[in-house]
Amino acid sequence: MKITSSIEYATRLMVTLAREHGKAPYPAERLAGVENIPADYVSQLLVKLRRAGLVLSHRGSAGGYVLSRRPEEITLGQVARAVDGDVFEDVCEKYDGGAKDCHHQDRCAISPVWRRLGELITGYFESVTLAAILAEKGGTCGSAPAWLDKISSGK
């Protein structure tokens, strides 16, 4: 699985909006500047997030974007699907509908591995909320977040 720039940027935008939850709408131009993302790309992502029902837009001079729900109710999986579709592309689905020919469709031993991996990845993305991300103190790039221990231990 590859985390696309769309997922990365949309997550950053959503975390910023989560930090500002309950406050005035946050203008798209300001989001672009704060997150150092091109304004056109921010606009495209916000349209997708709005269509998915994750953000609301407000027009006017005091307009901008707000979360549609509390940060505890929005998951990383929802954000990823809003901008990129499925969190994990099922390897075997790409052979459905005759698009390509898989010579192992009747007796594939690998297919269950891909399906289980997809379930694990999707489950993980669905378990991480914006609130959990906000609760992190931040650290060096690549260090494990504290909420990962809670998820791993089932607490």
Protein backbone atom coordinates (compact mmCIF):
# COMPACT_ATOMS: atom_id res chain seq x y z
CA MET A 1 0.00 0.00 0.00
CA LYS A 2 1.20 3.47 -0.84
CA ILE A 3 0.02 6.58 1.01
CA THR A 4 -0.70 9.10 -1.73
CA SER A 5 -0.09 12.82 -1.45
CA SER A 6 -3.89 13.24 -1.54
CA ILE A 7 -4.28 11.16 1.62
CA GLU A 8 -1.34 12.89 3.33
CA TYR A 9 -2.52 16.41 2.48
CA ALA A 10 -6.19 15.73 3.20
CA THR A 11 -5.25 14.30 6.59
CA ARG A 12 -3.18 17.38 7.39
CA LEU A 13 -6.08 19.64 6.39
CA MET A 14 -8.51 17.64 8.51
CA VAL A 15 -6.21 17.70 11.54
CA THR A 16 -5.95 21.49 11.24
CA LEU A 17 -9.75 21.74 11.03
CA ALA A 18 -10.05 19.38 14.02
CA ARG A 19 -7.72 21.63 16.01
CA GLU A 20 -10.05 24.54 15.16
CA HIS A 21 -13.26 22.58 15.83
CA GLY A 22 -15.95 24.72 17.42
CA LYS A 23 -14.38 27.95 16.20
CA ALA A 24 -15.08 30.16 13.17
CA PRO A 25 -14.83 28.67 9.67
CA TYR A 26 -11.25 28.30 8.42
CA PRO A 27 -10.60 29.82 4.97
CA ALA A 28 -9.13 27.55 2.29
CA GLU A 29 -6.38 30.07 1.52
CA ARG A 30 -5.29 30.04 5.14
CA LEU A 31 -5.30 26.23 5.21
CA ALA A 32 -3.08 26.24 2.13
CA GLY A 33 -0.63 28.64 3.77
CA VAL A 34 -0.53 26.93 7.15
CA GLU A 35 -0.05 23.47 5.65
CA ASN A 36 2.20 24.63 2.79
CA ILE A 37 -0.01 22.97 0.17
CA PRO A 38 -0.79 24.65 -3.16
CA ALA A 39 -4.12 26.51 -2.92
CA ASP A 40 -5.58 24.81 -6.02
CA TYR A 41 -4.83 21.39 -4.55
CA VAL A 42 -6.38 22.40 -1.22
CA SER A 43 -9.53 23.47 -3.05
CA GLN A 44 -9.74 20.13 -4.89
CA LEU A 45 -9.30 18.18 -1.67
CA LEU A 46 -11.86 20.28 0.20
CA VAL A 47 -14.42 19.63 -2.55
CA LYS A 48 -13.90 15.88 -2.15
CA LEU A 49 -14.06 16.11 1.65
CA ARG A 50 -17.27 18.17 1.43
CA ARG A 51 -18.87 15.71 -1.01
CA ALA A 52 -18.01 12.90 1.41
CA GLY A 53 -19.77 14.79 4.21
CA LEU A 54 -16.64 15.31 6.29
CA VAL A 55 -16.51 19.11 6.09
CA LEU A 56 -19.05 21.89 5.68
CA SER A 57 -18.38 25.04 3.71
CA HIS A 58 -19.56 28.51 4.66
CA ARG A 59 -19.68 31.31 2.10
CA GLY A 60 -19.01 34.98 2.56
CA SER A 61 -16.26 37.18 3.94
CA ALA A 62 -16.18 35.19 7.18
CA GLY A 63 -16.55 31.91 5.33
CA GLY A 64 -14.40 28.85 5.19
CA TYR A 65 -14.53 25.22 6.24
CA VAL A 66 -15.42 23.37 9.43
CA LEU A 67 -15.68 19.70 10.32
CA SER A 68 -19.15 18.26 9.85
CA ARG A 69 -18.79 16.19 13.02
CA ARG A 70 -16.65 16.08 16.14
CA PRO A 71 -13.01 14.97 15.67
CA GLU A 72 -13.82 11.78 17.64
CA GLU A 73 -16.31 10.81 14.94
CA ILE A 74 -14.08 11.17 11.88
CA THR A 75 -11.58 8.46 11.04
CA LEU A 76 -8.50 8.36 8.90
CA GLY A 77 -10.27 5.71 6.82
CA GLN A 78 -13.09 8.12 6.01
CA VAL A 79 -10.60 10.78 4.96
CA ALA A 80 -8.64 8.35 2.77
CA ARG A 81 -11.80 7.06 1.05
CA ALA A 82 -13.03 10.61 0.45
CA VAL A 83 -9.97 11.55 -1.56
CA ASP A 84 -8.67 8.25 -2.98
CA GLY A 85 -11.43 5.66 -2.82
CA ASP A 86 -10.69 2.39 -1.02
CA VAL A 87 -8.01 2.45 1.64
CA PHE A 88 -6.51 -0.78 0.31
CA GLU A 89 -6.87 -1.90 -3.29
CA ASP A 90 -7.84 -5.55 -3.37
CA VAL A 91 -5.26 -7.18 -5.62
CA CYS A 92 -7.74 -9.76 -6.90
CA GLU A 93 -10.44 -7.21 -7.75
CA LYS A 94 -8.33 -5.81 -10.55
CA TYR A 95 -8.99 -9.07 -12.41
CA ASP A 96 -12.77 -8.83 -12.04
CA GLY A 97 -14.84 -8.02 -15.08
CA GLY A 98 -12.30 -9.38 -17.53
CA ALA A 99 -10.01 -6.36 -17.26
CA LYS A 100 -7.03 -8.68 -16.96
CA ASP A 101 -6.66 -12.40 -16.89
CA CYS A 102 -5.50 -14.07 -13.70
CA HIS A 103 -4.51 -17.68 -14.35
CA HIS A 104 -4.98 -18.61 -10.68
CA GLN A 105 -8.59 -17.58 -10.04
CA ASP A 106 -9.77 -21.12 -9.24
CA ARG A 107 -6.95 -22.21 -6.92
CA CYS A 108 -5.16 -19.14 -5.63
CA ALA A 109 -3.33 -19.57 -2.33
CA ILE A 110 -2.24 -15.93 -2.18
CA SER A 111 -5.68 -14.33 -2.47
CA PRO A 112 -6.56 -14.91 1.22
CA VAL A 113 -3.32 -13.19 2.22
CA TRP A 114 -4.20 -10.06 0.22
CA ARG A 115 -7.75 -10.02 1.57
CA ARG A 116 -6.57 -10.33 5.20
CA LEU A 117 -3.95 -7.61 4.68
CA GLY A 118 -6.67 -5.36 3.27
CA GLU A 119 -8.87 -6.04 6.30
CA LEU A 120 -6.02 -5.23 8.69
CA ILE A 121 -5.09 -1.99 6.94
CA THR A 122 -8.69 -0.85 6.58
CA GLY A 123 -9.41 -1.74 10.21
CA TYR A 124 -6.42 0.24 11.37
CA PHE A 125 -7.40 3.30 9.32
CA GLU A 126 -10.93 3.07 10.74
CA SER A 127 -9.58 2.92 14.31
CA VAL A 128 -7.59 6.16 14.08
CA THR A 129 -9.71 9.26 14.68
CA LEU A 130 -8.79 12.90 14.20
CA ALA A 131 -9.08 13.27 17.97
CA ALA A 132 -6.47 10.53 18.50
CA ILE A 133 -4.11 12.27 16.09
CA LEU A 134 -4.65 15.58 17.88
CA ALA A 135 -3.91 13.98 21.23
CA GLU A 136 -0.40 13.16 20.06
CA LYS A 137 2.27 15.51 21.33
CA GLY A 138 4.21 15.19 18.11
CA GLY A 139 7.61 13.72 17.74
CA THR A 140 10.29 12.93 15.31
CA CYS A 141 9.20 11.71 11.93
CA GLY A 142 8.87 7.94 12.02
CA SER A 143 8.40 7.53 15.79
CA ALA A 144 5.40 5.49 16.92
CA PRO A 145 2.49 7.52 18.32
CA ALA A 146 1.17 6.82 21.83
CA TRP A 147 -2.32 5.88 20.58
CA LEU A 148 -0.77 3.04 18.56
CA ASP A 149 0.02 1.23 21.82
CA LYS A 150 -3.64 1.56 22.90
CA ILE A 151 -4.88 0.14 19.59
CA SER A 152 -2.34 -2.68 19.60
CA SER A 153 -3.18 -3.69 23.16
CA GLY A 154 -6.93 -3.36 22.63
CA LYS A 155 -7.41 -0.74 25.37
